[in-house]
Amino acid sequence: MSFLRRTAVAAAAFALAASGTVLSQTPAAALENGLLRTPPMGFNNWNSTQCKADFSETMIRGIADLFVSKGLKDVGYQYVNIDDCWALPDRDSKGDLVPDPARFPHGIKALADYVHAKGLKFGIYTSAGTHTCNKAGFPGGLGHEQQDANLFASWGVDYLKYDNCNNQGVDAQQRYKAMRDALAKSGRPIAYSICEWGQNKPWTWAAPVGNLWRTTGDISDKWSSMIGKAQANRGLAQYAGPGHWNDPDMLEVGNGGMTAAEYRTHFSLWAMMAAPLLIGSDLRKVSDDSFSILKNTDVIALDQDPLGKQATVLSSAGGLVVYSKVLADGDRAVALSNETSATATISTSASATGIGSASSYTLKDLWSKAIRSTSGTISASVPSHATVLYRVSRSGSRYEAESATLSAGGTVDANHAGFSGTGFANGANAAGSYVEWQVAGPASALTFGYANGTAAARPVDIAVDGTVVAAGVPFPATGAWTTWSTVTRPVALAAGPHAVRVTATTADGPANLDYLDVSP
């Protein structure tokens, strides 16, 4: 939380180009407290209530109830966090923070116990200054780090958001390290969220200090604010990973200031950027459509992917942005995001994502759930302020000719343009000349990429594990050695390793062979 003045102090983060330029500093070693191996998922009340009267024990208990009854817990949300204004303006005679008895009549420990009984975790807030950010002047943690950390631990706190207001000009690293050390000595594992607004480029130093760090000023419930946070955060991918995350602030989904398409873009980009998914809306009031966004398990899976890679920007031009995210199973997530005011076609390719060669790729639209295949092009007509989000999988395996075994006289060449990989197999001009690949099944089809610059077909026998499965298969003329085509034959390959050999049946030898695609 904060006041509007935070937008100024976050200027360092916003200086990142909207193109997603990656900073060059070397990431710091990570804090290894064993926590937040995937980005945190949960709730924080600030965006919806700030310090209004409805921020109370009753509300927070109700949010915990809704986590269970609405299925949010089941899809991964676990932290129920409270923000500023939970305490009285003064510490007690022992110097301890005191919960506001009007808002929290049963105290914070009882509330944490209630949340824990639901199988959830509880988070709290304070500031790395003499006071928090609210004008009422609630006490901050500066100079009270160990006392406050011990108190939080005694209450059963699982997560601390540590703000940056009223810091008295004390060095940021000094202040945030002091609380890190205090939490470590508290005897309780407490996830540590550094809310420094990006003022001192925390991505360059905070990995060994906290589990996540704000890279921006506060978000608000409008398109310009949300997309600005995404633009500031998206160039910081090299600094994120398991246990240490870039944080472009909480979610606004459900607060009513953006369209459904804009909220889907918001959720999509946060998931692509491996950002915390902390719900900022009052779940007692949000629409079913907002719940459907927040509970999209396909999109959540991108955010929670165990590899922990933040998406990088493949291209950004005129407000049309392509993001790509590497996933643990080898798939890629691709977001085609339209920041402009008009519908536009946005395109990239499977090869641009680095997924590797294949005969075809499966694209699953994670919002519409439609599934289609492509030979490599990834493209969509994207409405204004919308994002099309795909999970991209290889449909088959490609074996390049340069990985094959050639009979005597055959060579791997690269003197004819247009081939895949680094070369093609140029078999000897003789009957019996062969090219053989070692492949893995199961498979239902074999597709050979080839070129034949002569006027006549070049027939071959296709054998699997020494048995001819297709005899005299013609590889027709393609018109030029730089014109590539394909020949496909059905096959029944069981799971496991196999040898696939193509053997010329005429004195001209085989066509130039570029690759073998094995399709399941």
Protein backbone atom coordinates (compact mmCIF):
# COMPACT_ATOMS: atom_id res chain seq x y z
CA MET A 1 0.00 0.00 0.00
CA SER A 2 1.05 3.63 -0.20
CA PHE A 3 0.22 7.15 -1.15
CA LEU A 4 0.49 8.68 -4.60
CA ARG A 5 3.98 9.91 -3.79
CA ARG A 6 5.22 6.37 -4.41
CA THR A 7 4.92 6.83 -8.12
CA ALA A 8 7.84 9.24 -7.98
CA VAL A 9 10.16 7.08 -5.96
CA ALA A 10 9.59 4.14 -8.29
CA ALA A 11 11.13 6.00 -11.22
CA ALA A 12 14.11 3.69 -11.38
CA ALA A 13 11.94 0.73 -12.22
CA PHE A 14 9.87 2.62 -14.78
CA ALA A 15 13.05 3.67 -16.57
CA LEU A 16 13.13 0.18 -18.08
CA ALA A 17 12.06 0.44 -21.68
CA ALA A 18 8.60 -0.73 -22.62
CA SER A 19 10.34 -2.93 -25.15
CA GLY A 20 11.40 -5.22 -22.33
CA THR A 21 15.08 -4.35 -22.37
CA VAL A 22 17.01 -6.66 -20.06
CA LEU A 23 19.32 -5.05 -17.55
CA SER A 24 22.93 -6.16 -17.56
CA GLN A 25 23.76 -6.49 -13.86
CA THR A 26 24.65 -9.93 -12.57
CA PRO A 27 21.91 -11.38 -10.35
CA ALA A 28 22.78 -11.76 -6.67
CA ALA A 29 22.84 -15.16 -4.97
CA ALA A 30 19.40 -16.18 -3.71
CA LEU A 31 18.10 -16.24 -0.16
CA GLU A 32 17.83 -19.93 0.67
CA ASN A 33 15.22 -20.10 3.41
CA GLY A 34 13.34 -22.88 1.62
CA LEU A 35 10.26 -20.73 1.04
CA LEU A 36 8.31 -19.66 -2.05
CA ARG A 37 9.89 -22.05 -4.51
CA THR A 38 7.05 -20.93 -6.77
CA PRO A 39 5.54 -17.41 -6.66
CA PRO A 40 3.15 -16.82 -3.75
CA MET A 41 -0.57 -17.09 -4.41
CA GLY A 42 -3.09 -15.54 -2.07
CA PHE A 43 -4.89 -12.36 -1.06
CA ASN A 44 -4.10 -8.89 0.25
CA ASN A 45 -6.84 -6.48 1.29
CA TRP A 46 -5.21 -3.15 0.39
CA ASN A 47 -6.41 -2.68 -3.18
CA SER A 48 -10.03 -3.17 -2.23
CA THR A 49 -10.32 -1.71 1.29
CA GLN A 50 -7.23 0.36 2.11
CA CYS A 51 -7.93 1.65 5.66
CA LYS A 52 -11.72 1.81 5.38
CA ALA A 53 -13.90 0.51 8.18
CA ASP A 54 -14.70 -2.77 6.41
CA PHE A 55 -11.08 -3.87 6.83
CA SER A 56 -11.58 -6.04 9.88
CA GLU A 57 -11.32 -9.44 11.46
CA THR A 58 -14.76 -10.29 10.10
CA MET A 59 -13.70 -9.49 6.55
CA ILE A 60 -10.47 -11.48 6.71
CA ARG A 61 -12.23 -14.50 8.19
CA GLY A 62 -14.74 -14.23 5.36
CA ILE A 63 -11.94 -14.21 2.78
CA ALA A 64 -10.47 -17.36 4.30
CA ASP A 65 -13.90 -18.99 4.14
CA LEU A 66 -14.23 -18.04 0.46
CA PHE A 67 -10.80 -19.48 -0.34
CA VAL A 68 -12.26 -22.83 0.64
CA SER A 69 -15.86 -22.54 -0.54
CA LYS A 70 -15.02 -20.99 -3.94
CA GLY A 71 -12.23 -23.45 -4.69
CA LEU A 72 -9.39 -20.93 -4.59
CA LYS A 73 -7.45 -23.05 -2.12
CA ASP A 74 -7.86 -26.05 -4.42
CA VAL A 75 -6.17 -24.25 -7.34
CA GLY A 76 -3.20 -23.02 -5.27
CA TYR A 77 -4.10 -19.84 -3.40
CA GLN A 78 -2.87 -20.10 0.19
CA TYR A 79 -1.80 -16.78 1.73
CA VAL A 80 -4.41 -14.55 3.42
CA ASN A 81 -2.51 -11.33 4.08
CA ILE A 82 -3.49 -8.14 5.89
CA ASP A 83 -2.03 -4.73 5.02
CA ASP A 84 -1.63 -1.39 6.82
CA CYS A 85 -3.98 -0.07 9.52
CA TRP A 86 -4.21 -3.26 11.56
CA ALA A 87 -2.35 -1.78 14.56
CA LEU A 88 -2.91 1.03 17.04
CA PRO A 89 -0.88 4.23 16.49
CA ASP A 90 1.31 3.55 19.52
CA ARG A 91 3.29 0.61 20.84
CA ASP A 92 2.53 -0.68 24.31
CA SER A 93 4.69 -0.17 27.41
CA LYS A 94 6.92 -3.09 26.37
CA GLY A 95 7.40 -1.61 22.92
CA ASP A 96 5.22 -4.21 21.20
CA LEU A 97 2.82 -3.52 18.36
CA VAL A 98 -0.84 -3.64 19.44
CA PRO A 99 -3.66 -4.84 17.16
CA ASP A 100 -6.53 -2.35 16.84
CA PRO A 101 -9.22 -3.81 19.14
CA ALA A 102 -12.00 -2.25 17.06
CA ARG A 103 -10.87 -3.99 13.87
CA PHE A 104 -9.44 -7.15 15.46
CA PRO A 105 -11.20 -7.72 18.77
CA HIS A 106 -9.78 -11.23 19.15
CA GLY A 107 -6.24 -10.22 18.23
CA ILE A 108 -3.94 -11.28 15.43
CA LYS A 109 -2.98 -14.69 16.80
CA ALA A 110 -6.63 -15.77 16.92
CA LEU A 111 -7.08 -14.61 13.33
CA ALA A 112 -3.95 -16.47 12.21
CA ASP A 113 -5.21 -19.58 14.01
CA TYR A 114 -8.53 -19.28 12.14
CA VAL A 115 -6.73 -19.01 8.80
CA HIS A 116 -4.44 -21.94 9.64
CA ALA A 117 -7.42 -24.09 10.57
CA LYS A 118 -8.59 -23.72 6.96
CA GLY A 119 -5.28 -25.15 5.72
CA LEU A 120 -4.13 -21.68 4.68
CA LYS A 121 -1.30 -19.32 5.64
CA PHE A 122 -1.43 -15.86 7.22
CA GLY A 123 0.52 -12.73 6.31
CA ILE A 124 1.01 -9.32 7.92
CA TYR A 125 2.39 -5.88 7.05
CA THR A 126 4.71 -3.24 8.46
CA SER A 127 7.23 -0.74 7.10
CA ALA A 128 11.02 -0.45 7.16
CA GLY A 129 10.67 3.00 8.68
CA THR A 130 9.61 4.73 11.86
CA HIS A 131 5.97 4.64 10.72
CA THR A 132 3.93 2.88 8.07
CA CYS A 133 2.62 4.70 5.03
CA ASN A 134 -0.81 5.63 6.32
CA LYS A 135 -1.16 9.23 7.46
CA ALA A 136 -2.42 8.04 10.85
CA GLY A 137 1.19 7.18 11.63
CA PHE A 138 1.11 3.54 12.67
CA PRO A 139 4.45 2.37 14.08
CA GLY A 140 7.01 0.90 11.69
CA GLY A 141 9.73 -1.66 12.24
CA LEU A 142 12.87 0.47 11.91
CA GLY A 143 14.88 -0.09 15.08
CA HIS A 144 12.40 -2.73 16.31
CA GLU A 145 13.22 -5.49 13.84
CA GLN A 146 13.91 -8.35 16.23
CA GLN A 147 11.11 -7.41 18.62
CA ASP A 148 8.59 -7.26 15.79
CA ALA A 149 9.87 -10.42 14.11
CA ASN A 150 9.58 -12.32 17.39
CA LEU A 151 6.05 -10.97 17.93
CA PHE A 152 4.98 -11.98 14.41
CA ALA A 153 6.42 -15.45 14.93
CA SER A 154 4.54 -15.81 18.24
CA TRP A 155 1.30 -14.96 16.43
CA GLY A 156 1.88 -17.60 13.74
CA VAL A 157 2.63 -15.22 10.88
CA ASP A 158 3.78 -16.94 7.67
CA TYR A 159 4.45 -13.94 5.39
CA LEU A 160 5.70 -10.40 5.97
CA LYS A 161 5.23 -7.50 3.57
CA TYR A 162 7.82 -4.87 4.56
CA ASP A 163 7.12 -1.41 3.11
CA ASN A 164 9.42 1.59 2.57
CA CYS A 165 7.72 4.65 4.06
CA ASN A 166 9.24 7.00 6.64
CA ASN A 167 12.63 5.33 6.27
CA GLN A 168 14.54 8.37 7.59
CA GLY A 169 17.03 8.11 4.76
CA VAL A 170 18.61 4.95 6.14
CA ASP A 171 20.23 2.82 3.45
CA ALA A 172 17.67 0.43 1.93
CA GLN A 173 19.90 -2.62 1.96
CA GLN A 174 20.75 -2.03 5.60
CA ARG A 175 17.08 -1.74 6.58
CA TYR A 176 15.88 -4.78 4.66
CA LYS A 177 18.80 -6.97 5.71
CA ALA A 178 18.09 -6.12 9.34
CA MET A 179 14.59 -7.55 9.08
CA ARG A 180 15.84 -10.55 7.10
CA ASP A 181 18.20 -11.39 9.94
CA ALA A 182 15.51 -10.81 12.54
CA LEU A 183 13.10 -13.15 10.77
CA ALA A 184 15.79 -15.80 10.53
CA LYS A 185 16.29 -15.61 14.30
CA SER A 186 12.57 -15.62 15.12
CA GLY A 187 12.31 -19.40 15.07
CA ARG A 188 9.53 -19.47 12.49
CA PRO A 189 9.76 -19.71 8.66
CA ILE A 190 8.30 -16.44 7.39
CA ALA A 191 8.26 -15.55 3.69
CA TYR A 192 9.75 -12.10 3.21
CA SER A 193 8.30 -9.57 0.74
CA ILE A 194 10.43 -6.47 0.19
CA CYS A 195 8.12 -3.58 -0.77
CA GLU A 196 10.81 -1.07 -1.77
CA TRP A 197 8.97 0.10 -4.95
CA GLY A 198 12.06 -0.44 -7.14
CA GLN A 199 13.61 2.77 -5.84
CA ASN A 200 17.08 1.29 -5.34
CA LYS A 201 16.90 -1.43 -8.00
CA PRO A 202 16.32 -4.26 -5.54
CA TRP A 203 16.48 -6.86 -8.30
CA THR A 204 20.26 -6.31 -8.27
CA TRP A 205 20.72 -6.95 -4.53
CA ALA A 206 17.59 -8.39 -2.92
CA ALA A 207 17.83 -12.06 -3.95
CA PRO A 208 19.90 -12.96 -0.84
CA VAL A 209 17.71 -10.69 1.29
CA GLY A 210 14.07 -11.50 0.51
CA ASN A 211 11.83 -13.96 -1.32
CA LEU A 212 10.34 -11.27 -3.53
CA TRP A 213 10.76 -7.57 -4.13
CA ARG A 214 8.56 -4.91 -5.61
CA THR A 215 9.89 -3.63 -8.90
CA THR A 216 7.35 -0.83 -9.29
CA GLY A 217 5.21 1.70 -7.48
CA ASP A 218 1.67 0.81 -6.46
CA ILE A 219 -0.76 -0.54 -9.02
CA SER A 220 -4.24 0.93 -9.47
CA ASP A 221 -7.37 -0.48 -11.07
CA LYS A 222 -6.97 0.96 -14.55
CA TRP A 223 -5.38 -0.20 -17.79
CA SER A 224 -2.62 2.43 -17.92
CA SER A 225 -1.40 1.55 -14.44
CA MET A 226 -1.51 -2.20 -14.95
CA ILE A 227 0.23 -2.25 -18.32
CA GLY A 228 2.81 0.22 -17.04
CA LYS A 229 3.71 -2.20 -14.27
CA ALA A 230 4.06 -5.01 -16.80
CA GLN A 231 6.30 -2.88 -18.99
CA ALA A 232 8.54 -1.99 -16.05
CA ASN A 233 8.81 -5.57 -14.84
CA ARG A 234 9.18 -7.53 -18.04
CA GLY A 235 12.84 -6.64 -18.63
CA LEU A 236 13.94 -8.20 -15.34
CA ALA A 237 13.61 -11.90 -16.17
CA GLN A 238 17.23 -12.74 -15.38
CA TYR A 239 16.73 -11.85 -11.71
CA ALA A 240 13.75 -14.14 -10.98
CA GLY A 241 13.79 -17.78 -9.96
CA PRO A 242 12.66 -20.26 -7.30
CA GLY A 243 12.62 -18.51 -3.93
CA HIS A 244 13.30 -15.00 -5.33
CA TRP A 245 10.75 -13.25 -7.52
CA ASN A 246 10.14 -9.92 -9.23
CA ASP A 247 6.92 -8.37 -7.91
CA PRO A 248 5.01 -5.87 -10.08
CA ASP A 249 2.36 -5.55 -7.31
CA MET A 250 -0.94 -7.21 -6.57
CA LEU A 251 -3.79 -8.23 -8.85
CA GLU A 252 -6.68 -5.87 -9.55
CA VAL A 253 -8.89 -8.56 -11.12
CA GLY A 254 -12.45 -8.09 -9.87
CA ASN A 255 -12.21 -4.52 -8.61
CA GLY A 256 -14.25 -3.20 -11.55
CA GLY A 257 -11.99 -0.62 -13.18
CA MET A 258 -10.98 -2.67 -16.21
CA THR A 259 -12.77 -4.74 -18.82
CA ALA A 260 -12.83 -8.52 -18.75
CA ALA A 261 -10.31 -8.59 -21.62
CA GLU A 262 -8.00 -6.26 -19.71
CA TYR A 263 -8.25 -8.38 -16.58
CA ARG A 264 -7.41 -11.49 -18.62
CA THR A 265 -4.37 -9.65 -19.98
CA HIS A 266 -3.45 -8.67 -16.41
CA PHE A 267 -3.66 -12.26 -15.18
CA SER A 268 -1.92 -13.63 -18.28
CA LEU A 269 1.06 -11.30 -18.04
CA TRP A 270 1.50 -11.81 -14.29
CA ALA A 271 1.53 -15.57 -14.86
CA MET A 272 4.00 -15.25 -17.74
CA MET A 273 6.27 -13.08 -15.59
CA ALA A 274 6.22 -15.58 -12.70
CA ALA A 275 4.81 -12.78 -10.56
CA PRO A 276 3.03 -13.23 -7.23
CA LEU A 277 -0.69 -13.86 -7.73
CA LEU A 278 -2.08 -11.96 -4.77
CA ILE A 279 -5.76 -11.19 -5.22
CA GLY A 280 -6.51 -7.54 -4.45
CA SER A 281 -10.30 -7.58 -4.79
CA ASP A 282 -12.95 -8.10 -2.12
CA LEU A 283 -13.89 -11.68 -2.89
CA ARG A 284 -17.24 -11.21 -1.16
CA LYS A 285 -18.26 -8.91 -4.02
CA VAL A 286 -16.53 -10.05 -7.23
CA SER A 287 -18.37 -11.48 -10.23
CA ASP A 288 -18.39 -15.07 -11.43
CA ASP A 289 -16.38 -13.92 -14.46
CA SER A 290 -13.65 -12.62 -12.16
CA PHE A 291 -13.61 -15.92 -10.29
CA SER A 292 -13.23 -17.75 -13.61
CA ILE A 293 -10.19 -15.61 -14.42
CA LEU A 294 -8.62 -16.13 -11.01
CA LYS A 295 -9.24 -19.90 -11.14
CA ASN A 296 -7.94 -20.61 -14.65
CA THR A 297 -5.71 -23.56 -13.82
CA ASP A 298 -3.99 -23.59 -17.22
CA VAL A 299 -2.79 -20.02 -16.67
CA ILE A 300 -1.94 -20.62 -13.02
CA ALA A 301 0.22 -23.57 -14.13
CA LEU A 302 2.43 -21.15 -16.07
CA ASP A 303 2.95 -18.99 -13.01
CA GLN A 304 3.60 -21.98 -10.77
CA ASP A 305 5.79 -23.91 -13.20
CA PRO A 306 8.56 -25.49 -11.10
CA LEU A 307 11.34 -24.36 -13.43
CA GLY A 308 10.64 -20.82 -12.21
CA LYS A 309 11.53 -18.96 -15.41
CA GLN A 310 10.10 -15.49 -15.99
CA ALA A 311 9.01 -14.87 -19.58
CA THR A 312 11.24 -12.87 -21.88
CA VAL A 313 10.12 -10.51 -24.65
CA LEU A 314 10.66 -11.96 -28.12
CA SER A 315 9.46 -8.83 -29.89
CA SER A 316 7.86 -5.50 -29.10
CA ALA A 317 6.85 -3.02 -31.78
CA GLY A 318 4.16 -0.38 -31.75
CA GLY A 319 2.42 -1.81 -28.70
CA LEU A 320 2.30 -5.36 -30.07
CA VAL A 321 4.31 -7.57 -27.73
CA VAL A 322 5.28 -11.25 -27.87
CA TYR A 323 6.38 -12.97 -24.66
CA SER A 324 7.86 -16.46 -24.40
CA LYS A 325 8.27 -18.54 -21.23
CA VAL A 326 10.29 -21.76 -20.91
CA LEU A 327 8.43 -24.49 -18.98
CA ALA A 328 9.77 -27.41 -17.02
CA ASP A 329 8.46 -30.09 -19.41
CA GLY A 330 10.05 -28.45 -22.44
CA ASP A 331 6.89 -26.71 -23.59
CA ARG A 332 6.76 -22.97 -24.17
CA ALA A 333 4.10 -20.46 -23.16
CA VAL A 334 3.58 -17.68 -25.68
CA ALA A 335 1.60 -14.51 -25.02
CA LEU A 336 0.53 -12.29 -27.92
CA SER A 337 -0.38 -9.04 -26.17
CA ASN A 338 -2.01 -6.02 -27.82
CA GLU A 339 -1.41 -2.80 -25.89
CA THR A 340 -2.95 -0.64 -28.64
CA SER A 341 -6.48 0.70 -29.15
CA ALA A 342 -7.25 -1.39 -32.25
CA THR A 343 -7.40 -5.07 -33.17
CA ALA A 344 -4.14 -6.30 -34.65
CA THR A 345 -2.53 -9.51 -35.89
CA ILE A 346 0.44 -10.54 -33.77
CA SER A 347 2.77 -13.29 -34.92
CA THR A 348 5.87 -15.22 -34.01
CA SER A 349 7.18 -18.73 -34.68
CA ALA A 350 7.85 -21.86 -32.70
CA SER A 351 11.52 -21.67 -33.64
CA ALA A 352 11.76 -18.17 -32.12
CA THR A 353 10.82 -19.63 -28.73
CA GLY A 354 13.70 -22.10 -28.81
CA ILE A 355 11.41 -25.11 -28.35
CA GLY A 356 13.30 -27.14 -30.93
CA SER A 357 12.47 -28.64 -34.28
CA ALA A 358 9.37 -30.75 -34.89
CA SER A 359 7.14 -31.73 -37.76
CA SER A 360 4.29 -29.83 -36.13
CA TYR A 361 3.36 -28.11 -32.89
CA THR A 362 0.24 -28.16 -30.75
CA LEU A 363 -1.13 -24.80 -29.65
CA LYS A 364 -3.55 -24.74 -26.74
CA ASP A 365 -5.33 -21.42 -26.19
CA LEU A 366 -5.38 -21.16 -22.40
CA TRP A 367 -8.46 -18.92 -22.34
CA SER A 368 -10.71 -20.38 -25.05
CA LYS A 369 -9.27 -23.92 -24.52
CA ALA A 370 -9.19 -24.43 -28.30
CA ILE A 371 -6.42 -26.72 -29.54
CA ARG A 372 -4.89 -26.62 -33.01
CA SER A 373 -1.74 -27.66 -34.83
CA THR A 374 0.78 -25.54 -36.70
CA SER A 375 3.89 -26.24 -38.71
CA GLY A 376 5.57 -23.40 -36.86
CA THR A 377 3.67 -20.15 -37.23
CA ILE A 378 2.07 -18.77 -34.05
CA SER A 379 -0.32 -16.00 -34.93
CA ALA A 380 -3.66 -14.54 -33.86
CA SER A 381 -5.91 -11.57 -34.39
CA VAL A 382 -5.83 -9.91 -30.98
CA PRO A 383 -8.42 -7.32 -29.92
CA SER A 384 -7.41 -4.07 -28.26
CA HIS A 385 -5.98 -4.55 -24.75
CA ALA A 386 -6.39 -8.32 -25.06
CA THR A 387 -3.85 -11.13 -24.88
CA VAL A 388 -3.93 -14.51 -26.61
CA LEU A 389 -2.10 -17.03 -24.48
CA TYR A 390 -0.85 -20.34 -25.88
CA ARG A 391 0.88 -23.35 -24.45
CA VAL A 392 3.09 -24.69 -27.26
CA SER A 393 4.11 -28.35 -27.42
CA ARG A 394 6.05 -30.29 -29.98
CA SER A 395 3.74 -32.78 -31.69
CA GLY A 396 6.56 -34.99 -32.89
CA SER A 397 10.33 -35.30 -32.87
CA ARG A 398 12.66 -34.09 -35.59
CA TYR A 399 15.91 -35.88 -36.35
CA GLU A 400 18.24 -33.80 -38.49
CA ALA A 401 20.25 -35.42 -41.29
CA GLU A 402 23.49 -34.37 -39.64
CA SER A 403 22.68 -36.78 -36.79
CA ALA A 404 22.22 -39.70 -39.19
CA THR A 405 24.65 -42.39 -40.35
CA LEU A 406 25.51 -42.35 -44.08
CA SER A 407 26.90 -45.17 -46.18
CA ALA A 408 30.32 -44.88 -47.79
CA GLY A 409 30.60 -41.88 -50.09
CA GLY A 410 27.80 -39.94 -48.44
CA THR A 411 28.44 -36.51 -46.93
CA VAL A 412 26.63 -33.89 -44.87
CA ASP A 413 26.62 -30.71 -46.94
CA ALA A 414 25.35 -27.16 -46.60
CA ASN A 415 25.78 -25.75 -50.11
CA HIS A 416 22.07 -25.56 -50.99
CA ALA A 417 20.06 -23.01 -49.00
CA GLY A 418 16.75 -23.63 -47.25
CA PHE A 419 17.55 -26.71 -45.18
CA SER A 420 16.69 -27.27 -41.52
CA GLY A 421 19.43 -27.55 -38.91
CA THR A 422 23.05 -27.21 -40.00
CA GLY A 423 23.11 -29.34 -43.14
CA PHE A 424 21.60 -32.11 -45.25
CA ALA A 425 22.59 -35.67 -46.19
CA ASN A 426 23.99 -36.00 -49.72
CA GLY A 427 24.07 -39.76 -50.32
CA ALA A 428 26.42 -41.42 -52.77
CA ASN A 429 25.11 -41.75 -56.30
CA ALA A 430 24.74 -45.52 -56.21
CA ALA A 431 22.09 -48.15 -55.66
CA GLY A 432 22.29 -49.31 -52.05
CA SER A 433 23.42 -45.90 -50.80
CA TYR A 434 21.64 -45.23 -47.52
CA VAL A 435 20.94 -42.76 -44.70
CA GLU A 436 19.99 -44.18 -41.28
CA TRP A 437 18.55 -42.46 -38.18
CA GLN A 438 18.23 -43.75 -34.63
CA VAL A 439 14.78 -42.66 -33.42
CA ALA A 440 12.39 -43.20 -30.54
CA GLY A 441 8.84 -44.50 -30.76
CA PRO A 442 5.93 -44.70 -30.53
CA ALA A 443 5.11 -43.23 -33.92
CA SER A 444 2.41 -43.44 -36.56
CA ALA A 445 4.11 -41.62 -39.43
CA LEU A 446 7.54 -40.82 -40.84
CA THR A 447 8.04 -37.57 -42.75
CA PHE A 448 11.22 -36.97 -44.74
CA GLY A 449 12.34 -33.48 -45.73
CA TYR A 450 14.18 -33.59 -49.04
CA ALA A 451 15.22 -31.82 -52.24
CA ASN A 452 15.59 -33.36 -55.70
CA GLY A 453 16.97 -31.02 -58.34
CA THR A 454 16.88 -33.58 -61.15
CA ALA A 455 14.01 -34.26 -63.53
CA ALA A 456 13.31 -37.81 -62.29
CA ALA A 457 12.09 -39.23 -59.02
CA ARG A 458 14.62 -40.95 -56.79
CA PRO A 459 12.99 -44.05 -55.28
CA VAL A 460 14.07 -45.62 -51.98
CA ASP A 461 13.20 -48.50 -49.73
CA ILE A 462 12.27 -47.50 -46.15
CA ALA A 463 13.26 -50.04 -43.51
CA VAL A 464 12.61 -50.11 -39.77
CA ASP A 465 14.94 -52.22 -37.64
CA GLY A 466 16.18 -54.04 -40.75
CA THR A 467 12.74 -54.84 -42.21
CA VAL A 468 11.53 -52.98 -45.31
CA VAL A 469 8.17 -51.39 -44.50
CA ALA A 470 7.77 -49.42 -47.75
CA ALA A 471 9.47 -50.42 -51.02
CA GLY A 472 10.26 -48.20 -53.97
CA VAL A 473 8.92 -45.02 -52.41
CA PRO A 474 9.38 -42.19 -54.94
CA PHE A 475 10.95 -38.88 -53.94
CA PRO A 476 9.69 -36.73 -56.84
CA ALA A 477 11.64 -33.91 -58.47
CA THR A 478 11.30 -30.59 -56.64
CA GLY A 479 12.57 -28.41 -59.47
CA ALA A 480 15.79 -27.29 -57.77
CA TRP A 481 18.21 -28.42 -55.10
CA THR A 482 17.16 -25.37 -53.04
CA THR A 483 13.47 -26.31 -53.25
CA TRP A 484 12.54 -28.53 -50.33
CA SER A 485 9.53 -30.79 -50.01
CA THR A 486 8.35 -33.74 -47.91
CA VAL A 487 7.37 -37.37 -48.32
CA THR A 488 5.26 -39.00 -45.59
CA ARG A 489 4.58 -42.67 -45.01
CA PRO A 490 2.45 -44.29 -42.28
CA VAL A 491 4.27 -46.58 -39.90
CA ALA A 492 3.55 -48.46 -36.67
CA LEU A 493 6.48 -47.94 -34.32
CA ALA A 494 6.21 -49.29 -30.81
CA ALA A 495 7.62 -47.36 -27.89
CA GLY A 496 11.38 -47.56 -27.62
CA PRO A 497 14.43 -47.15 -29.87
CA HIS A 498 14.34 -47.93 -33.58
CA ALA A 499 16.61 -47.67 -36.64
CA VAL A 500 15.02 -46.07 -39.73
CA ARG A 501 17.00 -46.54 -42.96
CA VAL A 502 16.35 -45.05 -46.39
CA THR A 503 18.15 -46.99 -49.16
CA ALA A 504 18.39 -45.90 -52.82
CA THR A 505 17.14 -48.42 -55.36
CA THR A 506 18.68 -46.80 -58.45
CA ALA A 507 22.16 -45.74 -59.52
CA ASP A 508 21.24 -42.08 -59.00
CA GLY A 509 21.24 -42.62 -55.25
CA PRO A 510 18.77 -40.97 -52.85
CA ALA A 511 17.52 -37.41 -52.92
CA ASN A 512 19.24 -34.92 -50.63
CA LEU A 513 17.69 -35.62 -47.22
CA ASP A 514 17.24 -32.80 -44.73
CA TYR A 515 15.50 -34.39 -41.74
CA LEU A 516 13.20 -37.14 -40.48
CA ASP A 517 10.12 -36.16 -38.47
CA VAL A 518 8.63 -38.87 -36.27
CA SER A 519 4.97 -38.19 -35.47
CA PRO A 520 3.10 -39.86 -32.60
